[in-house]
PDB file of N, CA and C in Angstrom:
ATOM      1  N   MET A   1       0.850  -1.175   0.000  1.00  0.00           N
ATOM      2  CA  MET A   1       0.000   0.000   0.000  1.00  0.00           C
ATOM      3  C   MET A   1       0.888   1.228   0.000  1.00  0.00           C
ATOM      4  N   GLY A   2       0.895   1.995  -1.077  1.00  0.00           N
ATOM      5  CA  GLY A   2       1.780   3.140  -1.167  1.00  0.00           C
ATOM      6  C   GLY A   2       1.113   4.414  -0.709  1.00  0.00           C
ATOM      7  N   ASP A   3       1.950   5.429  -0.496  1.00  0.00           N
ATOM      8  CA  ASP A   3       1.431   6.738  -0.149  1.00  0.00           C
ATOM      9  C   ASP A   3       0.814   7.368  -1.388  1.00  0.00           C
ATOM     10  N   CYS A   4      -0.191   8.183  -1.209  1.00  0.00           N
ATOM     11  CA  CYS A   4      -0.849   8.864  -2.320  1.00  0.00           C
ATOM     12  C   CYS A   4      -0.426  10.326  -2.287  1.00  0.00           C
ATOM     13  N   GLN A   5      -0.188  10.887  -3.427  1.00  0.00           N
ATOM     14  CA  GLN A   5       0.178  12.293  -3.506  1.00  0.00           C
ATOM     15  C   GLN A   5      -1.045  13.190  -3.670  1.00  0.00           C
ATOM     16  N   SER A   6      -2.102  12.661  -4.265  1.00  0.00           N
ATOM     17  CA  SER A   6      -3.337  13.423  -4.445  1.00  0.00           C
ATOM     18  C   SER A   6      -4.488  12.449  -4.595  1.00  0.00           C
ATOM     19  N   LEU A   7      -5.707  12.968  -4.489  1.00  0.00           N
ATOM     20  CA  LEU A   7      -6.863  12.096  -4.664  1.00  0.00           C
ATOM     21  C   LEU A   7      -6.852  11.469  -6.037  1.00  0.00           C
ATOM     22  N   GLY A   8      -6.245  12.135  -7.016  1.00  0.00           N
ATOM     23  CA  GLY A   8      -6.140  11.588  -8.351  1.00  0.00           C
ATOM     24  C   GLY A   8      -5.320  10.306  -8.373  1.00  0.00           C
ATOM     25  N   ASP A   9      -4.432  10.130  -7.404  1.00  0.00           N
ATOM     26  CA  ASP A   9      -3.625   8.925  -7.328  1.00  0.00           C
ATOM     27  C   ASP A   9      -4.396   7.751  -6.740  1.00  0.00           C
ATOM     28  N   CYS A  10      -5.486   8.022  -6.081  1.00  0.00           N
ATOM     29  CA  CYS A  10      -6.309   6.970  -5.507  1.00  0.00           C
ATOM     30  C   CYS A  10      -7.429   6.653  -6.490  1.00  0.00           C
ATOM     31  N   SER A  11      -7.695   5.390  -6.657  1.00  0.00           N
ATOM     32  CA  SER A  11      -8.749   4.985  -7.589  1.00  0.00           C
ATOM     33  C   SER A  11     -10.113   5.375  -7.042  1.00  0.00           C
ATOM     34  N   ASP A  12     -11.073   5.458  -7.953  1.00  0.00           N
ATOM     35  CA  ASP A  12     -12.445   5.722  -7.529  1.00  0.00           C
ATOM     36  C   ASP A  12     -12.918   4.636  -6.568  1.00  0.00           C
ATOM     37  N   GLU A  13     -12.445   3.422  -6.794  1.00  0.00           N
ATOM     38  CA  GLU A  13     -12.806   2.310  -5.908  1.00  0.00           C
ATOM     39  C   GLU A  13     -12.281   2.570  -4.499  1.00  0.00           C
ATOM     40  N   ARG A  14     -11.055   3.080  -4.405  1.00  0.00           N
ATOM     41  CA  ARG A  14     -10.458   3.379  -3.095  1.00  0.00           C
ATOM     42  C   ARG A  14     -11.282   4.448  -2.383  1.00  0.00           C
ATOM     43  N   ILE A  15     -11.695   5.477  -3.115  1.00  0.00           N
ATOM     44  CA  ILE A  15     -12.498   6.545  -2.526  1.00  0.00           C
ATOM     45  C   ILE A  15     -13.870   6.001  -2.118  1.00  0.00           C
ATOM     46  N   ALA A  16     -14.473   5.170  -2.955  1.00  0.00           N
ATOM     47  CA  ALA A  16     -15.772   4.576  -2.628  1.00  0.00           C
ATOM     48  C   ALA A  16     -15.680   3.746  -1.358  1.00  0.00           C
ATOM     49  N   ARG A  17     -14.550   3.104  -1.156  1.00  0.00           N
ATOM     50  CA  ARG A  17     -14.380   2.289   0.049  1.00  0.00           C
ATOM     51  C   ARG A  17     -14.362   3.146   1.305  1.00  0.00           C
ATOM     52  N   LEU A  18     -13.937   4.407   1.177  1.00  0.00           N
ATOM     53  CA  LEU A  18     -14.004   5.314   2.328  1.00  0.00           C
ATOM     54  C   LEU A  18     -15.448   5.478   2.790  1.00  0.00           C
ATOM     55  N   TYR A  19     -16.359   5.617   1.819  1.00  0.00           N
ATOM     56  CA  TYR A  19     -17.779   5.779   2.160  1.00  0.00           C
ATOM     57  C   TYR A  19     -18.331   4.484   2.748  1.00  0.00           C
ATOM     58  N   GLU A  20     -17.936   3.353   2.194  1.00  0.00           N
ATOM     59  CA  GLU A  20     -18.364   2.065   2.745  1.00  0.00           C
ATOM     60  C   GLU A  20     -17.816   1.895   4.160  1.00  0.00           C
ATOM     61  N   TYR A  21     -16.588   2.353   4.367  1.00  0.00           N
ATOM     62  CA  TYR A  21     -15.958   2.305   5.692  1.00  0.00           C
ATOM     63  C   TYR A  21     -16.805   3.113   6.684  1.00  0.00           C
ATOM     64  N   LEU A  22     -17.192   4.314   6.295  1.00  0.00           N
ATOM     65  CA  LEU A  22     -18.014   5.158   7.161  1.00  0.00           C
ATOM     66  C   LEU A  22     -19.390   4.559   7.407  1.00  0.00           C
ATOM     67  N   ASP A  23     -19.903   3.835   6.430  1.00  0.00           N
ATOM     68  CA  ASP A  23     -21.221   3.212   6.556  1.00  0.00           C
ATOM     69  C   ASP A  23     -21.177   1.904   7.337  1.00  0.00           C
ATOM     70  N   GLY A  24     -19.973   1.418   7.656  1.00  0.00           N
ATOM     71  CA  GLY A  24     -19.841   0.142   8.356  1.00  0.00           C
ATOM     72  C   GLY A  24     -20.183  -1.036   7.465  1.00  0.00           C
ATOM     73  N   ALA A  25     -19.917  -0.886   6.161  1.00  0.00           N
ATOM     74  CA  ALA A  25     -20.325  -1.908   5.199  1.00  0.00           C
ATOM     75  C   ALA A  25     -19.162  -2.752   4.694  1.00  0.00           C
ATOM     76  N   LEU A  26     -18.057  -2.789   5.419  1.00  0.00           N
ATOM     77  CA  LEU A  26     -16.889  -3.552   4.979  1.00  0.00           C
ATOM     78  C   LEU A  26     -16.628  -4.740   5.898  1.00  0.00           C
ATOM     79  N   SER A  27     -15.965  -5.734   5.346  1.00  0.00           N
ATOM     80  CA  SER A  27     -15.550  -6.880   6.155  1.00  0.00           C
ATOM     81  C   SER A  27     -14.422  -6.445   7.085  1.00  0.00           C
ATOM     82  N   VAL A  28     -14.108  -7.264   8.053  1.00  0.00           N
ATOM     83  CA  VAL A  28     -13.045  -6.953   9.010  1.00  0.00           C
ATOM     84  C   VAL A  28     -11.721  -6.736   8.271  1.00  0.00           C
ATOM     85  N   GLU A  29     -11.448  -7.570   7.286  1.00  0.00           N
ATOM     86  CA  GLU A  29     -10.199  -7.444   6.515  1.00  0.00           C
ATOM     87  C   GLU A  29     -10.169  -6.131   5.739  1.00  0.00           C
ATOM     88  N   ASP A  30     -11.286  -5.785   5.119  1.00  0.00           N
ATOM     89  CA  ASP A  30     -11.359  -4.533   4.361  1.00  0.00           C
ATOM     90  C   ASP A  30     -11.266  -3.317   5.283  1.00  0.00           C
ATOM     91  N   LEU A  31     -11.847  -3.420   6.480  1.00  0.00           N
ATOM     92  CA  LEU A  31     -11.733  -2.333   7.454  1.00  0.00           C
ATOM     93  C   LEU A  31     -10.266  -2.072   7.778  1.00  0.00           C
ATOM     94  N   LYS A  32      -9.522  -3.135   7.983  1.00  0.00           N
ATOM     95  CA  LYS A  32      -8.098  -3.018   8.293  1.00  0.00           C
ATOM     96  C   LYS A  32      -7.357  -2.364   7.129  1.00  0.00           C
ATOM     97  N   ASP A  33      -7.681  -2.768   5.919  1.00  0.00           N
ATOM     98  CA  ASP A  33      -7.035  -2.220   4.724  1.00  0.00           C
ATOM     99  C   ASP A  33      -7.283  -0.715   4.617  1.00  0.00           C
ATOM    100  N   VAL A  34      -8.522  -0.290   4.831  1.00  0.00           N
ATOM    101  CA  VAL A  34      -8.852   1.131   4.731  1.00  0.00           C
ATOM    102  C   VAL A  34      -8.159   1.906   5.844  1.00  0.00           C
ATOM    103  N   ARG A  35      -8.172   1.385   7.063  1.00  0.00           N
ATOM    104  CA  ARG A  35      -7.482   2.063   8.179  1.00  0.00           C
ATOM    105  C   ARG A  35      -6.005   2.256   7.877  1.00  0.00           C
ATOM    106  N   GLU A  36      -5.366   1.212   7.366  1.00  0.00           N
ATOM    107  CA  GLU A  36      -3.940   1.300   7.028  1.00  0.00           C
ATOM    108  C   GLU A  36      -3.716   2.344   5.931  1.00  0.00           C
ATOM    109  N   HIS A  37      -4.590   2.358   4.947  1.00  0.00           N
ATOM    110  CA  HIS A  37      -4.455   3.335   3.868  1.00  0.00           C
ATOM    111  C   HIS A  37      -4.592   4.754   4.415  1.00  0.00           C
ATOM    112  N   LEU A  38      -5.554   4.970   5.301  1.00  0.00           N
ATOM    113  CA  LEU A  38      -5.764   6.300   5.871  1.00  0.00           C
ATOM    114  C   LEU A  38      -4.551   6.774   6.671  1.00  0.00           C
ATOM    115  N   GLU A  39      -3.804   5.854   7.241  1.00  0.00           N
ATOM    116  CA  GLU A  39      -2.598   6.216   7.992  1.00  0.00           C
ATOM    117  C   GLU A  39      -1.516   6.784   7.083  1.00  0.00           C
ATOM    118  N   HIS A  40      -1.566   6.447   5.792  1.00  0.00           N
ATOM    119  CA  HIS A  40      -0.483   6.824   4.878  1.00  0.00           C
ATOM    120  C   HIS A  40      -0.900   7.793   3.783  1.00  0.00           C
ATOM    121  N   CYS A  41      -2.164   8.093   3.680  1.00  0.00           N
ATOM    122  CA  CYS A  41      -2.631   8.933   2.586  1.00  0.00           C
ATOM    123  C   CYS A  41      -3.324  10.170   3.149  1.00  0.00           C
ATOM    124  N   ASP A  42      -2.623  11.294   3.129  1.00  0.00           N
ATOM    125  CA  ASP A  42      -3.174  12.532   3.679  1.00  0.00           C
ATOM    126  C   ASP A  42      -4.421  12.990   2.942  1.00  0.00           C
ATOM    127  N   ASP A  43      -4.433  12.838   1.612  1.00  0.00           N
ATOM    128  CA  ASP A  43      -5.585  13.298   0.848  1.00  0.00           C
ATOM    129  C   ASP A  43      -6.830  12.475   1.156  1.00  0.00           C
ATOM    130  N   CYS A  44      -6.675  11.170   1.269  1.00  0.00           N
ATOM    131  CA  CYS A  44      -7.831  10.338   1.621  1.00  0.00           C
ATOM    132  C   CYS A  44      -8.279  10.627   3.045  1.00  0.00           C
ATOM    133  N   THR A  45      -7.337  10.912   3.918  1.00  0.00           N
ATOM    134  CA  THR A  45      -7.682  11.275   5.291  1.00  0.00           C
ATOM    135  C   THR A  45      -8.471  12.571   5.305  1.00  0.00           C
ATOM    136  N   GLU A  46      -8.072  13.545   4.480  1.00  0.00           N
ATOM    137  CA  GLU A  46      -8.830  14.793   4.383  1.00  0.00           C
ATOM    138  C   GLU A  46     -10.235  14.524   3.850  1.00  0.00           C
ATOM    139  N   GLU A  47     -10.350  13.668   2.838  1.00  0.00           N
ATOM    140  CA  GLU A  47     -11.655  13.304   2.276  1.00  0.00           C
ATOM    141  C   GLU A  47     -12.517  12.637   3.356  1.00  0.00           C
ATOM    142  N   TYR A  48     -11.907  11.737   4.118  1.00  0.00           N
ATOM    143  CA  TYR A  48     -12.592  11.041   5.201  1.00  0.00           C
ATOM    144  C   TYR A  48     -13.074  12.053   6.254  1.00  0.00           C
ATOM    145  N   ASP A  49     -12.180  12.962   6.664  1.00  0.00           N
ATOM    146  CA  ASP A  49     -12.541  13.961   7.676  1.00  0.00           C
ATOM    147  C   ASP A  49     -13.668  14.862   7.197  1.00  0.00           C
ATOM    148  N   LEU A  50     -13.602  15.285   5.931  1.00  0.00           N
ATOM    149  CA  LEU A  50     -14.655  16.126   5.369  1.00  0.00           C
ATOM    150  C   LEU A  50     -15.990  15.390   5.369  1.00  0.00           C
ATOM    151  N   GLU A  51     -15.981  14.130   4.968  1.00  0.00           N
ATOM    152  CA  GLU A  51     -17.225  13.350   4.947  1.00  0.00           C
ATOM    153  C   GLU A  51     -17.781  13.182   6.365  1.00  0.00           C
ATOM    154  N   CYS A  52     -16.905  13.011   7.347  1.00  0.00           N
ATOM    155  CA  CYS A  52     -17.366  12.913   8.745  1.00  0.00           C
ATOM    156  C   CYS A  52     -18.058  14.204   9.181  1.00  0.00           C
ATOM    157  N   ILE A  53     -17.481  15.342   8.788  1.00  0.00           N
ATOM    158  CA  ILE A  53     -18.079  16.634   9.135  1.00  0.00           C
ATOM    159  C   ILE A  53     -19.437  16.781   8.463  1.00  0.00           C
ATOM    160  N   ILE A  54     -19.502  16.455   7.171  1.00  0.00           N
ATOM    161  CA  ILE A  54     -20.763  16.566   6.432  1.00  0.00           C
ATOM    162  C   ILE A  54     -21.824  15.690   7.061  1.00  0.00           C
ATOM    163  N   ARG A  55     -21.470  14.445   7.384  1.00  0.00           N
ATOM    164  CA  ARG A  55     -22.443  13.530   7.995  1.00  0.00           C
ATOM    165  C   ARG A  55     -22.914  14.047   9.346  1.00  0.00           C
ATOM    166  N   SER A  56     -22.011  14.636  10.103  1.00  0.00           N
ATOM    167  CA  SER A  56     -22.368  15.172  11.413  1.00  0.00           C
ATOM    168  C   SER A  56     -23.357  16.329  11.279  1.00  0.00           C
ATOM    169  N   VAL A  57     -23.097  17.229  10.331  1.00  0.00           N
ATOM    170  CA  VAL A  57     -23.982  18.374  10.116  1.00  0.00           C
ATOM    171  C   VAL A  57     -25.355  17.908   9.628  1.00  0.00           C
ATOM    172  N   VAL A  58     -25.367  16.965   8.695  1.00  0.00           N
ATOM    173  CA  VAL A  58     -26.639  16.453   8.178  1.00  0.00           C
ATOM    174  C   VAL A  58     -27.423  15.773   9.298  1.00  0.00           C
ATOM    175  N   LYS A  59     -26.742  14.974  10.092  1.00  0.00           N
ATOM    176  CA  LYS A  59     -27.414  14.278  11.189  1.00  0.00           C
ATOM    177  C   LYS A  59     -28.017  15.281  12.172  1.00  0.00           C
ATOM    178  N   ARG A  60     -27.235  16.303  12.499  1.00  0.00           N
ATOM    179  CA  ARG A  60     -27.719  17.317  13.431  1.00  0.00           C
ATOM    180  C   ARG A  60     -28.912  18.068  12.832  1.00  0.00           C
ATOM    181  N   SER A  61     -28.837  18.387  11.541  1.00  0.00           N
ATOM    182  CA  SER A  61     -29.922  19.106  10.875  1.00  0.00           C
ATOM    183  C   SER A  61     -31.198  18.284  10.827  1.00  0.00           C
ATOM    184  N   CYS A  62     -31.056  16.987  10.646  1.00  0.00           N
ATOM    185  CA  CYS A  62     -32.229  16.114  10.560  1.00  0.00           C
ATOM    186  C   CYS A  62     -32.911  15.940  11.900  1.00  0.00           C
ATOM    187  N   GLN A  63     -32.241  16.277  12.972  1.00  0.00           N
ATOM    188  CA  GLN A  63     -32.817  16.124  14.301  1.00  0.00           C
ATOM    189  C   GLN A  63     -33.553  17.378  14.752  1.00  0.00           C
ATOM    190  N   GLU A  64     -33.371  18.480  14.021  1.00  0.00           N
ATOM    191  CA  GLU A  64     -34.051  19.715  14.380  1.00  0.00           C
ATOM    192  C   GLU A  64     -35.522  19.603  14.002  1.00  0.00           C
ATOM    193  N   VAL A  65     -36.376  20.176  14.805  1.00  0.00           N
ATOM    194  CA  VAL A  65     -37.815  20.105  14.589  1.00  0.00           C
ATOM    195  C   VAL A  65     -38.342  21.525  14.385  1.00  0.00           C
ATOM    196  N   ALA A  66     -39.153  21.686  13.359  1.00  0.00           N
ATOM    197  CA  ALA A  66     -39.760  22.988  13.109  1.00  0.00           C
ATOM    198  C   ALA A  66     -40.774  23.296  14.207  1.00  0.00           C
ATOM    199  N   PRO A  67     -40.853  24.542  14.604  1.00  0.00           N
ATOM    200  CA  PRO A  67     -41.840  24.906  15.628  1.00  0.00           C
ATOM    201  C   PRO A  67     -43.263  24.673  15.109  1.00  0.00           C
ATOM    202  N   ASP A  68     -44.151  24.337  16.014  1.00  0.00           N
ATOM    203  CA  ASP A  68     -45.551  24.091  15.645  1.00  0.00           C
ATOM    204  C   ASP A  68     -46.173  25.303  14.954  1.00  0.00           C
ATOM    205  N   THR A  69     -45.780  26.504  15.367  1.00  0.00           N
ATOM    206  CA  THR A  69     -46.339  27.707  14.740  1.00  0.00           C
ATOM    207  C   THR A  69     -45.962  27.777  13.265  1.00  0.00           C
ATOM    208  N   LEU A  70     -44.753  27.364  12.923  1.00  0.00           N
ATOM    209  CA  LEU A  70     -44.327  27.357  11.524  1.00  0.00           C
ATOM    210  C   LEU A  70     -45.120  26.325  10.730  1.00  0.00           C
ATOM    211  N   LYS A  71     -45.290  25.150  11.307  1.00  0.00           N
ATOM    212  CA  LYS A  71     -46.064  24.104  10.641  1.00  0.00           C
ATOM    213  C   LYS A  71     -47.488  24.583  10.377  1.00  0.00           C
ATOM    214  N   THR A  72     -48.085  25.245  11.359  1.00  0.00           N
ATOM    215  CA  THR A  72     -49.448  25.748  11.232  1.00  0.00           C
ATOM    216  C   THR A  72     -49.528  26.799  10.135  1.00  0.00           C
ATOM    217  N   ARG A  73     -48.555  27.723  10.097  1.00  0.00           N
ATOM    218  CA  ARG A  73     -48.546  28.763   9.057  1.00  0.00           C
ATOM    219  C   ARG A  73     -48.411  28.149   7.671  1.00  0.00           C
ATOM    220  N   ILE A  74     -47.576  27.151   7.532  1.00  0.00           N
ATOM    221  CA  ILE A  74     -47.380  26.492   6.231  1.00  0.00           C
ATOM    222  C   ILE A  74     -48.665  25.803   5.793  1.00  0.00           C
ATOM    223  N   MET A  75     -49.284  25.056   6.689  1.00  0.00           N
ATOM    224  CA  MET A  75     -50.519  24.345   6.340  1.00  0.00           C
ATOM    225  C   MET A  75     -51.638  25.336   6.004  1.00  0.00           C
ATOM    226  N   THR A  76     -51.710  26.447   6.738  1.00  0.00           N
ATOM    227  CA  THR A  76     -52.709  27.477   6.467  1.00  0.00           C
ATOM    228  C   THR A  76     -52.473  28.066   5.076  1.00  0.00           C
ATOM    229  N   ARG A  77     -51.238  28.356   4.757  1.00  0.00           N
ATOM    230  CA  ARG A  77     -50.918  28.935   3.443  1.00  0.00           C
ATOM    231  C   ARG A  77     -51.230  27.950   2.318  1.00  0.00           C
ATOM    232  N   ILE A  78     -50.964  26.680   2.520  1.00  0.00           N
ATOM    233  CA  ILE A  78     -51.295  25.657   1.515  1.00  0.00           C
ATOM    234  C   ILE A  78     -52.800  25.640   1.275  1.00  0.00           C
ATOM    235  N   SER A  79     -53.562  25.691   2.349  1.00  0.00           N
ATOM    236  CA  SER A  79     -55.026  25.712   2.236  1.00  0.00           C
ATOM    237  C   SER A  79     -55.490  26.948   1.478  1.00  0.00           C
ATOM    238  N   GLU A  80     -54.903  28.101   1.764  1.00  0.00           N
ATOM    239  CA  GLU A  80     -55.260  29.350   1.084  1.00  0.00           C
ATOM    240  C   GLU A  80     -54.964  29.242  -0.414  1.00  0.00           C
ATOM    241  N   ILE A  81     -53.826  28.697  -0.754  1.00  0.00           N
ATOM    242  CA  ILE A  81     -53.441  28.550  -2.167  1.00  0.00           C
ATOM    243  C   ILE A  81     -54.405  27.615  -2.880  1.00  0.00           C
ATOM    244  N   ARG A  82     -54.797  26.538  -2.231  1.00  0.00           N
ATOM    245  CA  ARG A  82     -55.757  25.604  -2.833  1.00  0.00           C
ATOM    246  C   ARG A  82     -57.084  26.305  -3.136  1.00  0.00           C
ATOM    247  N   VAL A  83     -57.540  27.123  -2.203  1.00  0.00           N
ATOM    248  CA  VAL A  83     -58.801  27.857  -2.399  1.00  0.00           C
ATOM    249  C   VAL A  83     -58.628  28.837  -3.549  1.00  0.00           C
ATOM    250  N   GLU A  84     -57.469  29.539  -3.607  1.00  0.00           N
ATOM    251  CA  GLU A  84     -57.220  30.515  -4.664  1.00  0.00           C
ATOM    252  C   GLU A  84     -57.241  29.887  -6.047  1.00  0.00           C
ATOM    253  N   VAL A  85     -56.728  28.663  -6.186  1.00  0.00           N
ATOM    254  CA  VAL A  85     -56.666  28.024  -7.499  1.00  0.00           C
ATOM    255  C   VAL A  85     -57.875  27.120  -7.744  1.00  0.00           C
ATOM    256  N   GLY A  86     -58.791  27.109  -6.786  1.00  0.00           N
ATOM    257  CA  GLY A  86     -60.037  26.368  -6.971  1.00  0.00           C
ATOM    258  C   GLY A  86     -59.952  24.887  -6.691  1.00  0.00           C
ATOM    259  N   HIS A  87     -59.025  24.466  -5.850  1.00  0.00           N
ATOM    260  CA  HIS A  87     -58.897  23.050  -5.506  1.00  0.00           C
ATOM    261  C   HIS A  87     -59.347  22.777  -4.073  1.00  0.00           C
ATOM    262  N   GLY A  88     -59.925  23.706  -3.420  1.00  0.00           N
ATOM    263  CA  GLY A  88     -60.256  23.495  -2.022  1.00  0.00           C
ATOM    264  C   GLY A  88     -61.680  23.614  -1.795  1.00  0.00           C
TER     265      GLY A  88
END
């Protein structure tokens, strides 16, 4: 397993395995291979770190709940639009 100078030096398959690694979709042997690669490839490590940040932000965003007042305003506006276009 050699060092990579840029993401261009890593195959698309290698990059795809980073996502599988994050998803927990690899065998024990493949997990070891990806971990070893990350120890030697700064660019893949940066890609991995960026994906971790993105996943964290998305997860946090998906846990936020809109206030009931906003939901009510949206539903009211939908009803108004339906009446305006003759569907209500």
